[in-house]
Amino acid sequence: MAAIRPLTFPFTLAVTLLTALALTTRVQAAEVIRIAVSNISAGLTPAGGGVVDVLYGQKRFEAEFAADGVQVQWVFIKGAGPLINEAIANGQVDLAYIGDLAAIVGKAGGLDTKVVAAAARGVNHYLAVRPGSPIRTLADLKGKRVGLFRGTAAQLSFIEALRTANMSERDVQVIHLDFAAATAALAAGHIDATWGGNNALALGERGMADLPLSSKTLPNHAGQLSGVLVVTSTFAAQHPQLLQRVLKVHRQAAAWASAAENRDAYIRLQAEQSAYPQSLIRAELHDADLATLLSPTLDDGFVAQLAASASTAYQARLIRQPLNVAPWLERADNSR
């Protein structure tokens, strides 16, 4: 795993007594809040998808903490979940918007984190094959070369999809490729299929791939994935008031994106951030209940899905021991 360059930040180390007294009614805060996100953008502007794009694009955290002199540093990582886990392990970030599998792998591997909110749920993934390919079902993938971004939520999604056909990763030739590499490999004919999200949809929209099936069409929507907001236990213990304000702003952003009157603005914002066409995002969100998909609440249904994902990860030997998700959750700011 590639090393991440340590992050350095300026800190105000001395304050006068009068200043200190003036701050007694304000948040005792760190000078910087460092937030890691998997960068899913197809362009130059970073994007995290969903509510992250609202938070980042509208600078909501920055506005919340500006009066306190607290900086917000967004760390967008193309290496997705595995590199975010490394950043957490190295003490380089405080919070992370991360897919369910990477979060599970990190926790099972000893990362001292807490899940404080749902970041996304019901995110669909698609099977993309070359135009005219005879592959139409999951069973048709047996022995075929499938590009898959291992270590990310996409891998867990694919495993769950395969299970609906009584298959596992051992039934196909999985080739570890990130989303961009998988897209290029499919177009060049180096792989037979790939399993992905917006990257797969974009291939289909451009006529560069057929999309014979997806988590939308599988039984019980198998393969839909989730994301979580995790915080390091150190940050949560040292800055509980900051964390509560982060969650407050997250809820506000989710409420804005979920409001019917903001639907078009939300789609435009996502398109601008991610460099994917509005038509693609609009089609994916057609008839979607954004209030449910973007809800940050750690409700019983979301927790059950997270527990099921942890069980799948263990059964697929992606983690070495079972993970009980209950002690991992911090639901103090989330209603059941």
Foldseek 3Di string as FASTA:
>chain_A
DDDDPADDDDDDDDDDPVVVVVCPVPFPDGQEAEEEAAFQFPDDFGDRDDLRLLCVVVVLLCVVCVVVNHYYHYHYDPLALVVVLVCQVVVRHFKYWHWLQSVLQSVLVPAQKFFEWWAFWQAKKFKWFFPPDPDQALVVQFAFEEEEQPSGLQQLLVQQRQVLVVDGPVRHRYDHDRLVRRLVCRLVVVGGIYMGHVSRLLCVVVNGTDTNDMLVPGVVSRSITTITMMGHPVCCVVGVVSVLVVVVSLQVSLVQCQDPVCVVVNLVSNCVNRVRDSVSVCVSCPVPRSNVGRGTAPDPVVLVVSQVSQVSCVVSVVRPDGDDCVVRYDRPVHDD
